[in-house]
Amino acid sequence: MSFEKAVEDVKNLNATPADADLLEVYGLYKQATVGDCNTAKPGLLDFKGKSKWEAWNGRKGMTQDEAKQAYVDKVAQLVEQHGLK
């Protein structure tokens, strides 16, 4: 599966994955498309923003190619678990 296909597939899952899986996919996507986190950490009360920032920042140092492959692998796992529409 290509990275582009994985990006489309994740939008068409039969069910919404767990929050932890969504954050992992988000962090890998941002690392694959942007590279290392380049934004300031959100404020203490921005729980959603902080979680997303931590998911992305936790991938710091991973190459974009490594992140793309990890993203494809994770989406393939989610497709296997949830199926596609």
PDB file of N, CA and C in Angstrom:
ATOM      1  N   MET A   1       0.854  -1.183   0.000  1.00  0.00           N
ATOM      2  CA  MET A   1       0.000   0.000   0.000  1.00  0.00           C
ATOM      3  C   MET A   1       0.894   1.238   0.000  1.00  0.00           C
ATOM      4  N   SER A   2       0.534   2.213  -0.808  1.00  0.00           N
ATOM      5  CA  SER A   2       1.290   3.464  -0.853  1.00  0.00           C
ATOM      6  C   SER A   2       0.837   4.391   0.278  1.00  0.00           C
ATOM      7  N   PHE A   3       1.664   5.381   0.554  1.00  0.00           N
ATOM      8  CA  PHE A   3       1.321   6.368   1.576  1.00  0.00           C
ATOM      9  C   PHE A   3       0.028   7.089   1.200  1.00  0.00           C
ATOM     10  N   GLU A   4      -0.097   7.475  -0.061  1.00  0.00           N
ATOM     11  CA  GLU A   4      -1.286   8.202  -0.517  1.00  0.00           C
ATOM     12  C   GLU A   4      -2.551   7.357  -0.358  1.00  0.00           C
ATOM     13  N   LYS A   5      -2.449   6.057  -0.656  1.00  0.00           N
ATOM     14  CA  LYS A   5      -3.598   5.155  -0.490  1.00  0.00           C
ATOM     15  C   LYS A   5      -3.945   5.028   0.985  1.00  0.00           C
ATOM     16  N   ALA A   6      -2.941   4.949   1.842  1.00  0.00           N
ATOM     17  CA  ALA A   6      -3.184   4.844   3.281  1.00  0.00           C
ATOM     18  C   ALA A   6      -3.902   6.090   3.796  1.00  0.00           C
ATOM     19  N   VAL A   7      -3.518   7.264   3.279  1.00  0.00           N
ATOM     20  CA  VAL A   7      -4.172   8.517   3.683  1.00  0.00           C
ATOM     21  C   VAL A   7      -5.656   8.468   3.322  1.00  0.00           C
ATOM     22  N   GLU A   8      -5.976   7.938   2.162  1.00  0.00           N
ATOM     23  CA  GLU A   8      -7.382   7.815   1.752  1.00  0.00           C
ATOM     24  C   GLU A   8      -8.107   6.745   2.569  1.00  0.00           C
ATOM     25  N   ASP A   9      -7.450   5.610   2.782  1.00  0.00           N
ATOM     26  CA  ASP A   9      -8.084   4.505   3.510  1.00  0.00           C
ATOM     27  C   ASP A   9      -8.445   4.885   4.940  1.00  0.00           C
ATOM     28  N   VAL A  10      -7.596   5.659   5.592  1.00  0.00           N
ATOM     29  CA  VAL A  10      -7.860   5.994   6.995  1.00  0.00           C
ATOM     30  C   VAL A  10      -9.128   6.843   7.122  1.00  0.00           C
ATOM     31  N   LYS A  11      -9.498   7.537   6.061  1.00  0.00           N
ATOM     32  CA  LYS A  11     -10.724   8.348   6.068  1.00  0.00           C
ATOM     33  C   LYS A  11     -11.970   7.501   5.834  1.00  0.00           C
ATOM     34  N   ASN A  12     -11.786   6.252   5.413  1.00  0.00           N
ATOM     35  CA  ASN A  12     -12.910   5.400   5.032  1.00  0.00           C
ATOM     36  C   ASN A  12     -13.036   4.140   5.878  1.00  0.00           C
ATOM     37  N   LEU A  13     -12.567   4.198   7.106  1.00  0.00           N
ATOM     38  CA  LEU A  13     -12.704   3.046   8.000  1.00  0.00           C
ATOM     39  C   LEU A  13     -14.165   2.884   8.405  1.00  0.00           C
ATOM     40  N   ASN A  14     -14.589   1.649   8.627  1.00  0.00           N
ATOM     41  CA  ASN A  14     -15.967   1.365   9.041  1.00  0.00           C
ATOM     42  C   ASN A  14     -16.287   1.910  10.425  1.00  0.00           C
ATOM     43  N   ALA A  15     -15.294   1.970  11.284  1.00  0.00           N
ATOM     44  CA  ALA A  15     -15.499   2.436  12.656  1.00  0.00           C
ATOM     45  C   ALA A  15     -14.381   3.402  13.021  1.00  0.00           C
ATOM     46  N   THR A  16     -14.645   4.238  14.002  1.00  0.00           N
ATOM     47  CA  THR A  16     -13.630   5.170  14.475  1.00  0.00           C
ATOM     48  C   THR A  16     -12.668   4.436  15.401  1.00  0.00           C
ATOM     49  N   PRO A  17     -11.373   4.475  15.104  1.00  0.00           N
ATOM     50  CA  PRO A  17     -10.393   3.815  15.970  1.00  0.00           C
ATOM     51  C   PRO A  17     -10.319   4.483  17.344  1.00  0.00           C
ATOM     52  N   ALA A  18      -9.658   3.821  18.264  1.00  0.00           N
ATOM     53  CA  ALA A  18      -9.450   4.361  19.607  1.00  0.00           C
ATOM     54  C   ALA A  18      -8.629   5.648  19.521  1.00  0.00           C
ATOM     55  N   ASP A  19      -8.793   6.505  20.527  1.00  0.00           N
ATOM     56  CA  ASP A  19      -8.067   7.779  20.551  1.00  0.00           C
ATOM     57  C   ASP A  19      -6.559   7.578  20.423  1.00  0.00           C
ATOM     58  N   ALA A  20      -6.025   6.561  21.097  1.00  0.00           N
ATOM     59  CA  ALA A  20      -4.580   6.308  21.042  1.00  0.00           C
ATOM     60  C   ALA A  20      -4.142   6.005  19.609  1.00  0.00           C
ATOM     61  N   ASP A  21      -4.956   5.242  18.889  1.00  0.00           N
ATOM     62  CA  ASP A  21      -4.636   4.931  17.492  1.00  0.00           C
ATOM     63  C   ASP A  21      -4.721   6.178  16.623  1.00  0.00           C
ATOM     64  N   LEU A  22      -5.735   6.997  16.851  1.00  0.00           N
ATOM     65  CA  LEU A  22      -5.882   8.234  16.079  1.00  0.00           C
ATOM     66  C   LEU A  22      -4.700   9.166  16.306  1.00  0.00           C
ATOM     67  N   LEU A  23      -4.244   9.265  17.549  1.00  0.00           N
ATOM     68  CA  LEU A  23      -3.096  10.122  17.851  1.00  0.00           C
ATOM     69  C   LEU A  23      -1.823   9.579  17.207  1.00  0.00           C
ATOM     70  N   GLU A  24      -1.666   8.260  17.219  1.00  0.00           N
ATOM     71  CA  GLU A  24      -0.493   7.658  16.583  1.00  0.00           C
ATOM     72  C   GLU A  24      -0.487   7.952  15.084  1.00  0.00           C
ATOM     73  N   VAL A  25      -1.638   7.784  14.442  1.00  0.00           N
ATOM     74  CA  VAL A  25      -1.756   8.059  13.009  1.00  0.00           C
ATOM     75  C   VAL A  25      -1.482   9.538  12.732  1.00  0.00           C
ATOM     76  N   TYR A  26      -2.020  10.423  13.566  1.00  0.00           N
ATOM     77  CA  TYR A  26      -1.804  11.859  13.398  1.00  0.00           C
ATOM     78  C   TYR A  26      -0.313  12.196  13.495  1.00  0.00           C
ATOM     79  N   GLY A  27       0.346  11.693  14.538  1.00  0.00           N
ATOM     80  CA  GLY A  27       1.765  11.976  14.730  1.00  0.00           C
ATOM     81  C   GLY A  27       2.613  11.482  13.567  1.00  0.00           C
ATOM     82  N   LEU A  28       2.306  10.285  13.089  1.00  0.00           N
ATOM     83  CA  LEU A  28       3.048   9.737  11.947  1.00  0.00           C
ATOM     84  C   LEU A  28       2.786  10.540  10.677  1.00  0.00           C
ATOM     85  N   TYR A  29       1.533  10.952  10.470  1.00  0.00           N
ATOM     86  CA  TYR A  29       1.194  11.743   9.282  1.00  0.00           C
ATOM     87  C   TYR A  29       1.955  13.072   9.287  1.00  0.00           C
ATOM     88  N   LYS A  30       1.943  13.765  10.411  1.00  0.00           N
ATOM     89  CA  LYS A  30       2.629  15.058  10.492  1.00  0.00           C
ATOM     90  C   LYS A  30       4.135  14.884  10.300  1.00  0.00           C
ATOM     91  N   GLN A  31       4.705  13.840  10.886  1.00  0.00           N
ATOM     92  CA  GLN A  31       6.136  13.594  10.733  1.00  0.00           C
ATOM     93  C   GLN A  31       6.460  13.263   9.275  1.00  0.00           C
ATOM     94  N   ALA A  32       5.585  12.503   8.634  1.00  0.00           N
ATOM     95  CA  ALA A  32       5.809  12.106   7.241  1.00  0.00           C
ATOM     96  C   ALA A  32       5.677  13.278   6.280  1.00  0.00           C
ATOM     97  N   THR A  33       4.781  14.209   6.572  1.00  0.00           N
ATOM     98  CA  THR A  33       4.511  15.295   5.627  1.00  0.00           C
ATOM     99  C   THR A  33       5.252  16.590   5.943  1.00  0.00           C
ATOM    100  N   VAL A  34       5.548  16.833   7.216  1.00  0.00           N
ATOM    101  CA  VAL A  34       6.197  18.089   7.614  1.00  0.00           C
ATOM    102  C   VAL A  34       7.620  17.857   8.110  1.00  0.00           C
ATOM    103  N   GLY A  35       7.836  16.744   8.808  1.00  0.00           N
ATOM    104  CA  GLY A  35       9.117  16.489   9.452  1.00  0.00           C
ATOM    105  C   GLY A  35       8.987  16.771  10.938  1.00  0.00           C
ATOM    106  N   ASP A  36      10.106  17.049  11.596  1.00  0.00           N
ATOM    107  CA  ASP A  36      10.082  17.289  13.039  1.00  0.00           C
ATOM    108  C   ASP A  36       9.128  18.424  13.394  1.00  0.00           C
ATOM    109  N   CYS A  37       8.501  18.280  14.544  1.00  0.00           N
ATOM    110  CA  CYS A  37       7.531  19.255  15.050  1.00  0.00           C
ATOM    111  C   CYS A  37       8.158  20.646  15.059  1.00  0.00           C
ATOM    112  N   ASN A  38       7.449  21.601  14.484  1.00  0.00           N
ATOM    113  CA  ASN A  38       7.982  22.963  14.364  1.00  0.00           C
ATOM    114  C   ASN A  38       7.043  24.006  14.967  1.00  0.00           C
ATOM    115  N   THR A  39       6.159  23.561  15.864  1.00  0.00           N
ATOM    116  CA  THR A  39       5.233  24.488  16.507  1.00  0.00           C
ATOM    117  C   THR A  39       5.440  24.452  18.016  1.00  0.00           C
ATOM    118  N   ALA A  40       5.043  25.528  18.668  1.00  0.00           N
ATOM    119  CA  ALA A  40       5.163  25.600  20.122  1.00  0.00           C
ATOM    120  C   ALA A  40       4.145  24.675  20.780  1.00  0.00           C
ATOM    121  N   LYS A  41       4.494  24.175  21.951  1.00  0.00           N
ATOM    122  CA  LYS A  41       3.588  23.303  22.694  1.00  0.00           C
ATOM    123  C   LYS A  41       2.358  24.108  23.108  1.00  0.00           C
ATOM    124  N   PRO A  42       1.160  23.561  22.857  1.00  0.00           N
ATOM    125  CA  PRO A  42      -0.070  24.271  23.237  1.00  0.00           C
ATOM    126  C   PRO A  42      -0.173  24.467  24.749  1.00  0.00           C
ATOM    127  N   GLY A  43      -1.041  25.372  25.136  1.00  0.00           N
ATOM    128  CA  GLY A  43      -1.238  25.679  26.546  1.00  0.00           C
ATOM    129  C   GLY A  43      -1.770  24.497  27.339  1.00  0.00           C
ATOM    130  N   LEU A  44      -1.647  24.595  28.634  1.00  0.00           N
ATOM    131  CA  LEU A  44      -2.015  23.521  29.554  1.00  0.00           C
ATOM    132  C   LEU A  44      -3.480  23.125  29.437  1.00  0.00           C
ATOM    133  N   LEU A  45      -4.360  24.066  29.136  1.00  0.00           N
ATOM    134  CA  LEU A  45      -5.789  23.768  29.084  1.00  0.00           C
ATOM    135  C   LEU A  45      -6.266  23.321  27.701  1.00  0.00           C
ATOM    136  N   ASP A  46      -5.382  23.337  26.726  1.00  0.00           N
ATOM    137  CA  ASP A  46      -5.724  22.857  25.382  1.00  0.00           C
ATOM    138  C   ASP A  46      -5.376  21.369  25.314  1.00  0.00           C
ATOM    139  N   PHE A  47      -6.240  20.553  25.901  1.00  0.00           N
ATOM    140  CA  PHE A  47      -5.955  19.127  26.045  1.00  0.00           C
ATOM    141  C   PHE A  47      -5.810  18.426  24.694  1.00  0.00           C
ATOM    142  N   LYS A  48      -6.726  18.709  23.780  1.00  0.00           N
ATOM    143  CA  LYS A  48      -6.684  18.068  22.458  1.00  0.00           C
ATOM    144  C   LYS A  48      -5.426  18.500  21.701  1.00  0.00           C
ATOM    145  N   GLY A  49      -5.172  19.797  21.677  1.00  0.00           N
ATOM    146  CA  GLY A  49      -3.990  20.311  20.986  1.00  0.00           C
ATOM    147  C   GLY A  49      -2.704  19.779  21.582  1.00  0.00           C
ATOM    148  N   LYS A  50      -2.669  19.682  22.905  1.00  0.00           N
ATOM    149  CA  LYS A  50      -1.481  19.179  23.596  1.00  0.00           C
ATOM    150  C   LYS A  50      -1.247  17.708  23.253  1.00  0.00           C
ATOM    151  N   SER A  51      -2.315  16.918  23.220  1.00  0.00           N
ATOM    152  CA  SER A  51      -2.185  15.495  22.882  1.00  0.00           C
ATOM    153  C   SER A  51      -1.672  15.317  21.459  1.00  0.00           C
ATOM    154  N   LYS A  52      -2.214  16.105  20.540  1.00  0.00           N
ATOM    155  CA  LYS A  52      -1.775  16.021  19.148  1.00  0.00           C
ATOM    156  C   LYS A  52      -0.316  16.466  19.014  1.00  0.00           C
ATOM    157  N   TRP A  53       0.052  17.532  19.712  1.00  0.00           N
ATOM    158  CA  TRP A  53       1.424  18.026  19.665  1.00  0.00           C
ATOM    159  C   TRP A  53       2.383  16.962  20.200  1.00  0.00           C
ATOM    160  N   GLU A  54       2.010  16.334  21.316  1.00  0.00           N
ATOM    161  CA  GLU A  54       2.865  15.300  21.912  1.00  0.00           C
ATOM    162  C   GLU A  54       2.998  14.089  20.989  1.00  0.00           C
ATOM    163  N   ALA A  55       1.910  13.736  20.291  1.00  0.00           N
ATOM    164  CA  ALA A  55       1.962  12.608  19.355  1.00  0.00           C
ATOM    165  C   ALA A  55       2.936  12.903  18.214  1.00  0.00           C
ATOM    166  N   TRP A  56       2.948  14.140  17.744  1.00  0.00           N
ATOM    167  CA  TRP A  56       3.854  14.529  16.665  1.00  0.00           C
ATOM    168  C   TRP A  56       5.273  14.702  17.194  1.00  0.00           C
ATOM    169  N   ASN A  57       5.430  15.429  18.276  1.00  0.00           N
ATOM    170  CA  ASN A  57       6.754  15.706  18.817  1.00  0.00           C
ATOM    171  C   ASN A  57       7.459  14.419  19.248  1.00  0.00           C
ATOM    172  N   GLY A  58       6.686  13.409  19.620  1.00  0.00           N
ATOM    173  CA  GLY A  58       7.261  12.125  20.013  1.00  0.00           C
ATOM    174  C   GLY A  58       7.946  11.402  18.863  1.00  0.00           C
ATOM    175  N   ARG A  59       7.726  11.848  17.651  1.00  0.00           N
ATOM    176  CA  ARG A  59       8.347  11.244  16.460  1.00  0.00           C
ATOM    177  C   ARG A  59       9.609  11.989  16.039  1.00  0.00           C
ATOM    178  N   LYS A  60      10.017  12.982  16.807  1.00  0.00           N
ATOM    179  CA  LYS A  60      11.182  13.805  16.463  1.00  0.00           C
ATOM    180  C   LYS A  60      12.392  12.911  16.173  1.00  0.00           C
ATOM    181  N   GLY A  61      13.058  13.190  15.075  1.00  0.00           N
ATOM    182  CA  GLY A  61      14.241  12.425  14.694  1.00  0.00           C
ATOM    183  C   GLY A  61      13.943  11.312  13.702  1.00  0.00           C
ATOM    184  N   MET A  62      12.679  10.910  13.590  1.00  0.00           N
ATOM    185  CA  MET A  62      12.287   9.890  12.616  1.00  0.00           C
ATOM    186  C   MET A  62      12.306  10.537  11.232  1.00  0.00           C
ATOM    187  N   THR A  63      12.887   9.859  10.253  1.00  0.00           N
ATOM    188  CA  THR A  63      12.903  10.430   8.905  1.00  0.00           C
ATOM    189  C   THR A  63      11.489  10.414   8.330  1.00  0.00           C
ATOM    190  N   GLN A  64      11.280  11.238   7.326  1.00  0.00           N
ATOM    191  CA  GLN A  64       9.963  11.279   6.696  1.00  0.00           C
ATOM    192  C   GLN A  64       9.637   9.951   6.015  1.00  0.00           C
ATOM    193  N   ASP A  65      10.629   9.292   5.442  1.00  0.00           N
ATOM    194  CA  ASP A  65      10.391   7.986   4.818  1.00  0.00           C
ATOM    195  C   ASP A  65      10.033   6.931   5.859  1.00  0.00           C
ATOM    196  N   GLU A  66      10.719   6.952   6.996  1.00  0.00           N
ATOM    197  CA  GLU A  66      10.386   6.012   8.077  1.00  0.00           C
ATOM    198  C   GLU A  66       8.969   6.261   8.581  1.00  0.00           C
ATOM    199  N   ALA A  67       8.612   7.527   8.716  1.00  0.00           N
ATOM    200  CA  ALA A  67       7.273   7.875   9.191  1.00  0.00           C
ATOM    201  C   ALA A  67       6.210   7.442   8.186  1.00  0.00           C
ATOM    202  N   LYS A  68       6.486   7.599   6.900  1.00  0.00           N
ATOM    203  CA  LYS A  68       5.529   7.164   5.876  1.00  0.00           C
ATOM    204  C   LYS A  68       5.301   5.660   5.963  1.00  0.00           C
ATOM    205  N   GLN A  69       6.386   4.890   6.118  1.00  0.00           N
ATOM    206  CA  GLN A  69       6.244   3.441   6.197  1.00  0.00           C
ATOM    207  C   GLN A  69       5.501   3.041   7.466  1.00  0.00           C
ATOM    208  N   ALA A  70       5.809   3.686   8.586  1.00  0.00           N
ATOM    209  CA  ALA A  70       5.113   3.384   9.843  1.00  0.00           C
ATOM    210  C   ALA A  70       3.630   3.742   9.730  1.00  0.00           C
ATOM    211  N   TYR A  71       3.323   4.830   9.046  1.00  0.00           N
ATOM    212  CA  TYR A  71       1.934   5.247   8.824  1.00  0.00           C
ATOM    213  C   TYR A  71       1.198   4.193   8.002  1.00  0.00           C
ATOM    214  N   VAL A  72       1.804   3.760   6.915  1.00  0.00           N
ATOM    215  CA  VAL A  72       1.199   2.732   6.056  1.00  0.00           C
ATOM    216  C   VAL A  72       0.948   1.457   6.861  1.00  0.00           C
ATOM    217  N   ASP A  73       1.930   1.052   7.666  1.00  0.00           N
ATOM    218  CA  ASP A  73       1.784  -0.160   8.483  1.00  0.00           C
ATOM    219  C   ASP A  73       0.649  -0.013   9.485  1.00  0.00           C
ATOM    220  N   LYS A  74       0.550   1.142  10.133  1.00  0.00           N
ATOM    221  CA  LYS A  74      -0.501   1.371  11.130  1.00  0.00           C
ATOM    222  C   LYS A  74      -1.874   1.396  10.473  1.00  0.00           C
ATOM    223  N   VAL A  75      -2.002   2.071   9.343  1.00  0.00           N
ATOM    224  CA  VAL A  75      -3.291   2.127   8.655  1.00  0.00           C
ATOM    225  C   VAL A  75      -3.696   0.728   8.184  1.00  0.00           C
ATOM    226  N   ALA A  76      -2.750  -0.056   7.698  1.00  0.00           N
ATOM    227  CA  ALA A  76      -3.062  -1.430   7.281  1.00  0.00           C
ATOM    228  C   ALA A  76      -3.617  -2.225   8.462  1.00  0.00           C
ATOM    229  N   GLN A  77      -3.035  -2.019   9.636  1.00  0.00           N
ATOM    230  CA  GLN A  77      -3.523  -2.684  10.854  1.00  0.00           C
ATOM    231  C   GLN A  77      -4.949  -2.222  11.180  1.00  0.00           C
ATOM    232  N   LEU A  78      -5.210  -0.932  11.063  1.00  0.00           N
ATOM    233  CA  LEU A  78      -6.545  -0.403  11.354  1.00  0.00           C
ATOM    234  C   LEU A  78      -7.572  -0.896  10.336  1.00  0.00           C
ATOM    235  N   VAL A  79      -7.177  -0.992   9.074  1.00  0.00           N
ATOM    236  CA  VAL A  79      -8.084  -1.508   8.041  1.00  0.00           C
ATOM    237  C   VAL A  79      -8.427  -2.961   8.346  1.00  0.00           C
ATOM    238  N   GLU A  80      -7.432  -3.722   8.781  1.00  0.00           N
ATOM    239  CA  GLU A  80      -7.669  -5.123   9.135  1.00  0.00           C
ATOM    240  C   GLU A  80      -8.638  -5.230  10.318  1.00  0.00           C
ATOM    241  N   GLN A  81      -8.495  -4.335  11.294  1.00  0.00           N
ATOM    242  CA  GLN A  81      -9.353  -4.353  12.490  1.00  0.00           C
ATOM    243  C   GLN A  81     -10.764  -3.863  12.200  1.00  0.00           C
ATOM    244  N   HIS A  82     -10.888  -2.783  11.440  1.00  0.00           N
ATOM    245  CA  HIS A  82     -12.172  -2.102  11.286  1.00  0.00           C
ATOM    246  C   HIS A  82     -12.825  -2.275   9.916  1.00  0.00           C
ATOM    247  N   GLY A  83     -12.054  -2.623   8.907  1.00  0.00           N
ATOM    248  CA  GLY A  83     -12.587  -2.730   7.555  1.00  0.00           C
ATOM    249  C   GLY A  83     -12.827  -1.358   6.941  1.00  0.00           C
ATOM    250  N   LEU A  84     -13.109  -1.367   5.646  1.00  0.00           N
ATOM    251  CA  LEU A  84     -13.373  -0.124   4.917  1.00  0.00           C
ATOM    252  C   LEU A  84     -14.839  -0.036   4.538  1.00  0.00           C
ATOM    253  N   LYS A  85     -15.329   1.195   4.391  1.00  0.00           N
ATOM    254  CA  LYS A  85     -16.719   1.430   3.971  1.00  0.00           C
ATOM    255  C   LYS A  85     -16.918   0.971   2.540  1.00  0.00           C
TER     256      LYS A  85
END
